[in-house]
Amino acid sequence: MKAITMKKMINCVAVSGILSFAACQTMAATAQQPTNDAKQSKMSHDSHENLTDSQVIKVVSTANNGEIKQAKTALPKLKMDDVRKYAQLMINEHSANEKKGQALASRLKLTPQVSNTSKALQNDSDQVVNKLNQSSSATDKEYMTNQVEVHRKVLMTIEKQLIPNAKNAELKTMLAQTRTAVAKHLQMAEQIVAKMK
């Protein structure tokens, strides 16, 4: 009788041990999920990255050069007159802003430095350029749709990251002017896309 009871107790202890272990494993796996989600959230929202003025100037430069490259890639394929004018405007205005940024960086002795924000913008721009290079038809609409997306992202980056992080007063002024231009470019792009539908 005692042997049977003892055997049952050992089995119970073993089973409860296995169940406890399984429960712990499940809890550990569940506990890790939010951290992975948090990591992904941080990666997709590097909007809280603290930037130096050197990194801020690099983000502006990346945005300018991205716009120029996108426009130069699209221009030979574009058919609609207002879309061609828009692409040329992007080349002209972003080239002028890039020169202004370089002159300011030189005057303030800032060496542009790469950040997660500038890398993300560069990656976005490269994807747009690759799509435009591969596209053989409907380039006008594709280019303009991308311009709406890119300008929205750049505008948000300027407002939520660059202006709050910039320390130098001249740099802040340049960013405010760039913000105005980008907002205008976004509005123009949205109007052109609306006409295409």
C-alpha atoms as a PDB file:
ATOM      1  CA  MET A   1       0.000   0.000   0.000  1.00  0.00           C
ATOM      2  CA  LYS A   2       2.760   2.413   1.006  1.00  0.00           C
ATOM      3  CA  ALA A   3       4.699   1.483  -2.159  1.00  0.00           C
ATOM      4  CA  ILE A   4       1.727   2.336  -4.393  1.00  0.00           C
ATOM      5  CA  THR A   5       1.147   5.646  -2.593  1.00  0.00           C
ATOM      6  CA  MET A   6       4.821   6.496  -2.836  1.00  0.00           C
ATOM      7  CA  LYS A   7       4.842   5.634  -6.551  1.00  0.00           C
ATOM      8  CA  LYS A   8       1.747   7.841  -7.110  1.00  0.00           C
ATOM      9  CA  MET A   9       3.404  10.706  -5.234  1.00  0.00           C
ATOM     10  CA  ILE A  10       6.574  10.409  -7.307  1.00  0.00           C
ATOM     11  CA  ASN A  11       4.484  10.372 -10.497  1.00  0.00           C
ATOM     12  CA  CYS A  12       2.524  13.407  -9.292  1.00  0.00           C
ATOM     13  CA  VAL A  13       5.707  15.271  -8.451  1.00  0.00           C
ATOM     14  CA  ALA A  14       7.203  14.336 -11.841  1.00  0.00           C
ATOM     15  CA  VAL A  15       4.057  15.380 -13.722  1.00  0.00           C
ATOM     16  CA  SER A  16       3.742  18.640 -11.795  1.00  0.00           C
ATOM     17  CA  GLY A  17       7.445  19.294 -12.428  1.00  0.00           C
ATOM     18  CA  ILE A  18       6.944  18.805 -16.166  1.00  0.00           C
ATOM     19  CA  LEU A  19       3.849  21.022 -16.120  1.00  0.00           C
ATOM     20  CA  SER A  20       5.702  23.707 -14.153  1.00  0.00           C
ATOM     21  CA  PHE A  21       8.597  23.548 -16.603  1.00  0.00           C
ATOM     22  CA  ALA A  22       6.208  23.847 -19.580  1.00  0.00           C
ATOM     23  CA  ALA A  23       4.410  26.756 -17.920  1.00  0.00           C
ATOM     24  CA  CYS A  24       7.735  28.498 -17.247  1.00  0.00           C
ATOM     25  CA  GLN A  25       8.793  27.995 -20.881  1.00  0.00           C
ATOM     26  CA  THR A  26       5.491  29.443 -22.114  1.00  0.00           C
ATOM     27  CA  MET A  27       5.786  32.412 -19.764  1.00  0.00           C
ATOM     28  CA  ALA A  28       9.383  33.025 -20.833  1.00  0.00           C
ATOM     29  CA  ALA A  29       8.423  32.923 -24.514  1.00  0.00           C
ATOM     30  CA  THR A  30       5.503  35.280 -23.882  1.00  0.00           C
ATOM     31  CA  ALA A  31       7.715  37.615 -21.872  1.00  0.00           C
ATOM     32  CA  GLN A  32      10.206  37.802 -24.752  1.00  0.00           C
ATOM     33  CA  GLN A  33       7.626  38.777 -27.365  1.00  0.00           C
ATOM     34  CA  PRO A  34       7.090  42.335 -26.107  1.00  0.00           C
ATOM     35  CA  THR A  35      10.868  42.898 -26.143  1.00  0.00           C
ATOM     36  CA  ASN A  36      11.036  41.801 -29.775  1.00  0.00           C
ATOM     37  CA  ASP A  37       8.040  44.028 -30.557  1.00  0.00           C
ATOM     38  CA  ALA A  38       9.716  46.869 -28.679  1.00  0.00           C
ATOM     39  CA  LYS A  39      12.891  46.351 -30.725  1.00  0.00           C
ATOM     40  CA  GLN A  40      10.930  46.407 -33.979  1.00  0.00           C
ATOM     41  CA  SER A  41       9.030  49.468 -32.808  1.00  0.00           C
ATOM     42  CA  LYS A  42      12.302  51.234 -31.972  1.00  0.00           C
ATOM     43  CA  MET A  43      13.762  50.289 -35.333  1.00  0.00           C
ATOM     44  CA  SER A  44      10.760  51.523 -37.263  1.00  0.00           C
ATOM     45  CA  HIS A  45      10.426  54.621 -35.079  1.00  0.00           C
ATOM     46  CA  ASP A  46      13.937  55.932 -34.688  1.00  0.00           C
ATOM     47  CA  SER A  47      12.194  59.272 -34.346  1.00  0.00           C
ATOM     48  CA  HIS A  48      13.574  59.504 -30.817  1.00  0.00           C
ATOM     49  CA  GLU A  49      17.177  59.160 -31.905  1.00  0.00           C
ATOM     50  CA  ASN A  50      19.200  62.015 -30.417  1.00  0.00           C
ATOM     51  CA  LEU A  51      21.086  63.681 -33.242  1.00  0.00           C
ATOM     52  CA  THR A  52      24.084  65.992 -33.185  1.00  0.00           C
ATOM     53  CA  ASP A  53      24.205  68.989 -35.530  1.00  0.00           C
ATOM     54  CA  SER A  54      26.652  67.004 -37.708  1.00  0.00           C
ATOM     55  CA  GLN A  55      24.099  64.196 -37.979  1.00  0.00           C
ATOM     56  CA  VAL A  56      21.265  66.655 -38.639  1.00  0.00           C
ATOM     57  CA  ILE A  57      23.167  68.207 -41.566  1.00  0.00           C
ATOM     58  CA  LYS A  58      23.794  64.692 -42.953  1.00  0.00           C
ATOM     59  CA  VAL A  59      20.059  63.887 -42.828  1.00  0.00           C
ATOM     60  CA  VAL A  60      19.277  67.086 -44.776  1.00  0.00           C
ATOM     61  CA  SER A  61      21.965  66.229 -47.327  1.00  0.00           C
ATOM     62  CA  THR A  62      20.672  62.651 -47.673  1.00  0.00           C
ATOM     63  CA  ALA A  63      17.129  63.935 -48.271  1.00  0.00           C
ATOM     64  CA  ASN A  64      18.334  66.494 -50.854  1.00  0.00           C
ATOM     65  CA  ASN A  65      20.503  64.027 -52.769  1.00  0.00           C
ATOM     66  CA  GLY A  66      17.771  61.400 -52.656  1.00  0.00           C
ATOM     67  CA  GLU A  67      15.276  63.786 -54.240  1.00  0.00           C
ATOM     68  CA  ILE A  68      17.774  64.828 -56.909  1.00  0.00           C
ATOM     69  CA  LYS A  69      18.616  61.221 -57.801  1.00  0.00           C
ATOM     70  CA  GLN A  70      14.953  60.164 -57.902  1.00  0.00           C
ATOM     71  CA  ALA A  71      14.062  63.070 -60.189  1.00  0.00           C
ATOM     72  CA  LYS A  72      17.048  62.484 -62.498  1.00  0.00           C
ATOM     73  CA  THR A  73      16.174  58.781 -62.731  1.00  0.00           C
ATOM     74  CA  ALA A  74      12.508  59.449 -63.513  1.00  0.00           C
ATOM     75  CA  LEU A  75      12.856  62.471 -65.818  1.00  0.00           C
ATOM     76  CA  PRO A  76      13.829  60.652 -69.065  1.00  0.00           C
ATOM     77  CA  LYS A  77      10.808  58.316 -68.642  1.00  0.00           C
ATOM     78  CA  LEU A  78       8.209  60.923 -67.666  1.00  0.00           C
ATOM     79  CA  LYS A  79       5.524  61.829 -70.197  1.00  0.00           C
ATOM     80  CA  MET A  80       3.170  64.279 -68.492  1.00  0.00           C
ATOM     81  CA  ASP A  81       4.211  67.928 -68.675  1.00  0.00           C
ATOM     82  CA  ASP A  82       3.366  68.848 -65.043  1.00  0.00           C
ATOM     83  CA  VAL A  83       5.198  65.744 -63.756  1.00  0.00           C
ATOM     84  CA  ARG A  84       8.295  66.626 -65.829  1.00  0.00           C
ATOM     85  CA  LYS A  85       8.170  70.194 -64.457  1.00  0.00           C
ATOM     86  CA  TYR A  86       7.857  68.840 -60.915  1.00  0.00           C
ATOM     87  CA  ALA A  87      10.887  66.547 -61.362  1.00  0.00           C
ATOM     88  CA  GLN A  88      12.946  69.444 -62.737  1.00  0.00           C
ATOM     89  CA  LEU A  89      11.834  71.629 -59.818  1.00  0.00           C
ATOM     90  CA  MET A  90      13.017  68.893 -57.399  1.00  0.00           C
ATOM     91  CA  ILE A  91      16.442  68.858 -59.094  1.00  0.00           C
ATOM     92  CA  ASN A  92      16.737  72.668 -59.004  1.00  0.00           C
ATOM     93  CA  GLU A  93      15.401  73.329 -55.493  1.00  0.00           C
ATOM     94  CA  HIS A  94      17.067  70.393 -53.745  1.00  0.00           C
ATOM     95  CA  SER A  95      20.389  71.175 -55.480  1.00  0.00           C
ATOM     96  CA  ALA A  96      20.145  74.770 -54.219  1.00  0.00           C
ATOM     97  CA  ASN A  97      19.272  73.557 -50.702  1.00  0.00           C
ATOM     98  CA  GLU A  98      22.175  71.089 -50.779  1.00  0.00           C
ATOM     99  CA  LYS A  99      24.616  73.907 -51.681  1.00  0.00           C
ATOM    100  CA  LYS A 100      23.181  76.004 -48.869  1.00  0.00           C
ATOM    101  CA  GLY A 101      23.569  73.098 -46.434  1.00  0.00           C
ATOM    102  CA  GLN A 102      27.169  72.455 -47.489  1.00  0.00           C
ATOM    103  CA  ALA A 103      28.044  76.139 -47.101  1.00  0.00           C
ATOM    104  CA  LEU A 104      26.457  76.206 -43.640  1.00  0.00           C
ATOM    105  CA  ALA A 105      28.246  73.008 -42.590  1.00  0.00           C
ATOM    106  CA  SER A 106      31.539  74.474 -43.764  1.00  0.00           C
ATOM    107  CA  ARG A 107      30.936  77.761 -41.948  1.00  0.00           C
ATOM    108  CA  LEU A 108      29.933  75.977 -38.716  1.00  0.00           C
ATOM    109  CA  LYS A 109      32.799  73.468 -39.116  1.00  0.00           C
ATOM    110  CA  LEU A 110      30.354  70.532 -39.093  1.00  0.00           C
ATOM    111  CA  THR A 111      31.454  67.248 -40.657  1.00  0.00           C
ATOM    112  CA  PRO A 112      28.297  65.405 -41.776  1.00  0.00           C
ATOM    113  CA  GLN A 113      27.892  62.169 -39.800  1.00  0.00           C
ATOM    114  CA  VAL A 114      25.740  59.161 -40.611  1.00  0.00           C
ATOM    115  CA  SER A 115      22.901  58.208 -38.221  1.00  0.00           C
ATOM    116  CA  ASN A 116      20.105  55.630 -38.250  1.00  0.00           C
ATOM    117  CA  THR A 117      17.825  58.382 -39.557  1.00  0.00           C
ATOM    118  CA  SER A 118      20.054  59.235 -42.533  1.00  0.00           C
ATOM    119  CA  LYS A 119      20.545  55.507 -43.259  1.00  0.00           C
ATOM    120  CA  ALA A 120      16.761  54.947 -43.266  1.00  0.00           C
ATOM    121  CA  LEU A 121      16.212  57.883 -45.657  1.00  0.00           C
ATOM    122  CA  GLN A 122      19.017  56.645 -47.920  1.00  0.00           C
ATOM    123  CA  ASN A 123      17.468  53.179 -47.974  1.00  0.00           C
ATOM    124  CA  ASP A 124      14.014  54.619 -48.854  1.00  0.00           C
ATOM    125  CA  SER A 125      15.492  56.687 -51.653  1.00  0.00           C
ATOM    126  CA  ASP A 126      17.487  53.744 -53.059  1.00  0.00           C
ATOM    127  CA  GLN A 127      14.303  51.659 -53.158  1.00  0.00           C
ATOM    128  CA  VAL A 128      12.468  54.400 -55.083  1.00  0.00           C
ATOM    129  CA  VAL A 129      15.358  54.733 -57.567  1.00  0.00           C
ATOM    130  CA  ASN A 130      15.488  50.938 -58.070  1.00  0.00           C
ATOM    131  CA  LYS A 131      11.733  50.818 -58.701  1.00  0.00           C
ATOM    132  CA  LEU A 132      11.991  53.672 -61.187  1.00  0.00           C
ATOM    133  CA  ASN A 133      14.919  51.985 -62.964  1.00  0.00           C
ATOM    134  CA  GLN A 134      12.956  48.741 -63.327  1.00  0.00           C
ATOM    135  CA  SER A 135       9.713  50.419 -64.362  1.00  0.00           C
ATOM    136  CA  SER A 136       8.938  50.518 -68.064  1.00  0.00           C
ATOM    137  CA  SER A 137       5.409  51.929 -67.926  1.00  0.00           C
ATOM    138  CA  ALA A 138       3.225  54.133 -65.702  1.00  0.00           C
ATOM    139  CA  THR A 139       6.328  55.925 -64.429  1.00  0.00           C
ATOM    140  CA  ASP A 140       4.560  59.290 -64.035  1.00  0.00           C
ATOM    141  CA  LYS A 141       2.073  57.997 -61.476  1.00  0.00           C
ATOM    142  CA  GLU A 142       4.665  55.828 -59.737  1.00  0.00           C
ATOM    143  CA  TYR A 143       7.109  58.734 -59.453  1.00  0.00           C
ATOM    144  CA  MET A 144       4.472  61.134 -58.121  1.00  0.00           C
ATOM    145  CA  THR A 145       3.063  58.614 -55.635  1.00  0.00           C
ATOM    146  CA  ASN A 146       6.584  58.044 -54.334  1.00  0.00           C
ATOM    147  CA  GLN A 147       7.106  61.805 -54.083  1.00  0.00           C
ATOM    148  CA  VAL A 148       4.060  62.111 -51.829  1.00  0.00           C
ATOM    149  CA  GLU A 149       5.366  59.324 -49.564  1.00  0.00           C
ATOM    150  CA  VAL A 150       8.970  60.563 -49.495  1.00  0.00           C
ATOM    151  CA  HIS A 151       8.013  64.187 -48.803  1.00  0.00           C
ATOM    152  CA  ARG A 152       5.629  63.146 -46.013  1.00  0.00           C
ATOM    153  CA  LYS A 153       8.417  61.163 -44.369  1.00  0.00           C
ATOM    154  CA  VAL A 154      10.994  63.953 -44.783  1.00  0.00           C
ATOM    155  CA  LEU A 155       8.546  66.563 -43.464  1.00  0.00           C
ATOM    156  CA  MET A 156       7.824  64.427 -40.388  1.00  0.00           C
ATOM    157  CA  THR A 157      11.565  63.848 -39.852  1.00  0.00           C
ATOM    158  CA  ILE A 158      12.276  67.595 -40.019  1.00  0.00           C
ATOM    159  CA  GLU A 159       9.436  68.444 -37.600  1.00  0.00           C
ATOM    160  CA  LYS A 160       9.832  65.632 -35.075  1.00  0.00           C
ATOM    161  CA  GLN A 161      13.572  65.064 -35.175  1.00  0.00           C
ATOM    162  CA  LEU A 162      15.773  67.571 -36.923  1.00  0.00           C
ATOM    163  CA  ILE A 163      14.359  70.846 -35.583  1.00  0.00           C
ATOM    164  CA  PRO A 164      14.055  69.561 -31.979  1.00  0.00           C
ATOM    165  CA  ASN A 165      17.614  68.127 -32.063  1.00  0.00           C
ATOM    166  CA  ALA A 166      19.403  71.028 -33.800  1.00  0.00           C
ATOM    167  CA  LYS A 167      21.388  73.171 -31.393  1.00  0.00           C
ATOM    168  CA  ASN A 168      22.820  75.851 -33.657  1.00  0.00           C
ATOM    169  CA  ALA A 169      20.486  78.801 -34.361  1.00  0.00           C
ATOM    170  CA  GLU A 170      21.554  79.126 -38.031  1.00  0.00           C
ATOM    171  CA  LEU A 171      20.949  75.419 -38.574  1.00  0.00           C
ATOM    172  CA  LYS A 172      17.481  75.735 -36.988  1.00  0.00           C
ATOM    173  CA  THR A 173      16.694  78.619 -39.354  1.00  0.00           C
ATOM    174  CA  MET A 174      17.804  76.589 -42.369  1.00  0.00           C
ATOM    175  CA  LEU A 175      15.692  73.648 -41.192  1.00  0.00           C
ATOM    176  CA  ALA A 176      12.630  75.891 -40.834  1.00  0.00           C
ATOM    177  CA  GLN A 177      13.153  77.125 -44.433  1.00  0.00           C
ATOM    178  CA  THR A 178      13.672  73.548 -45.656  1.00  0.00           C
ATOM    179  CA  ARG A 179      10.494  72.490 -43.830  1.00  0.00           C
ATOM    180  CA  THR A 180       8.510  75.191 -45.679  1.00  0.00           C
ATOM    181  CA  ALA A 181       9.916  74.048 -49.056  1.00  0.00           C
ATOM    182  CA  VAL A 182       9.261  70.357 -48.342  1.00  0.00           C
ATOM    183  CA  ALA A 183       5.672  71.125 -47.260  1.00  0.00           C
ATOM    184  CA  LYS A 184       5.189  73.021 -50.550  1.00  0.00           C
ATOM    185  CA  HIS A 185       6.665  70.110 -52.553  1.00  0.00           C
ATOM    186  CA  LEU A 186       4.341  67.684 -50.739  1.00  0.00           C
ATOM    187  CA  GLN A 187       1.282  69.819 -51.478  1.00  0.00           C
ATOM    188  CA  MET A 188       2.244  70.061 -55.166  1.00  0.00           C
ATOM    189  CA  ALA A 189       2.811  66.291 -55.375  1.00  0.00           C
ATOM    190  CA  GLU A 190      -0.561  65.585 -53.747  1.00  0.00           C
ATOM    191  CA  GLN A 191      -2.307  67.914 -56.216  1.00  0.00           C
ATOM    192  CA  ILE A 192      -0.658  66.233 -59.219  1.00  0.00           C
ATOM    193  CA  VAL A 193      -1.537  62.735 -57.910  1.00  0.00           C
ATOM    194  CA  ALA A 194      -5.161  63.837 -57.283  1.00  0.00           C
ATOM    195  CA  LYS A 195      -5.427  64.936 -60.927  1.00  0.00           C
ATOM    196  CA  MET A 196      -4.140  61.541 -62.110  1.00  0.00           C
ATOM    197  CA  LYS A 197      -6.974  59.528 -60.528  1.00  0.00           C
END
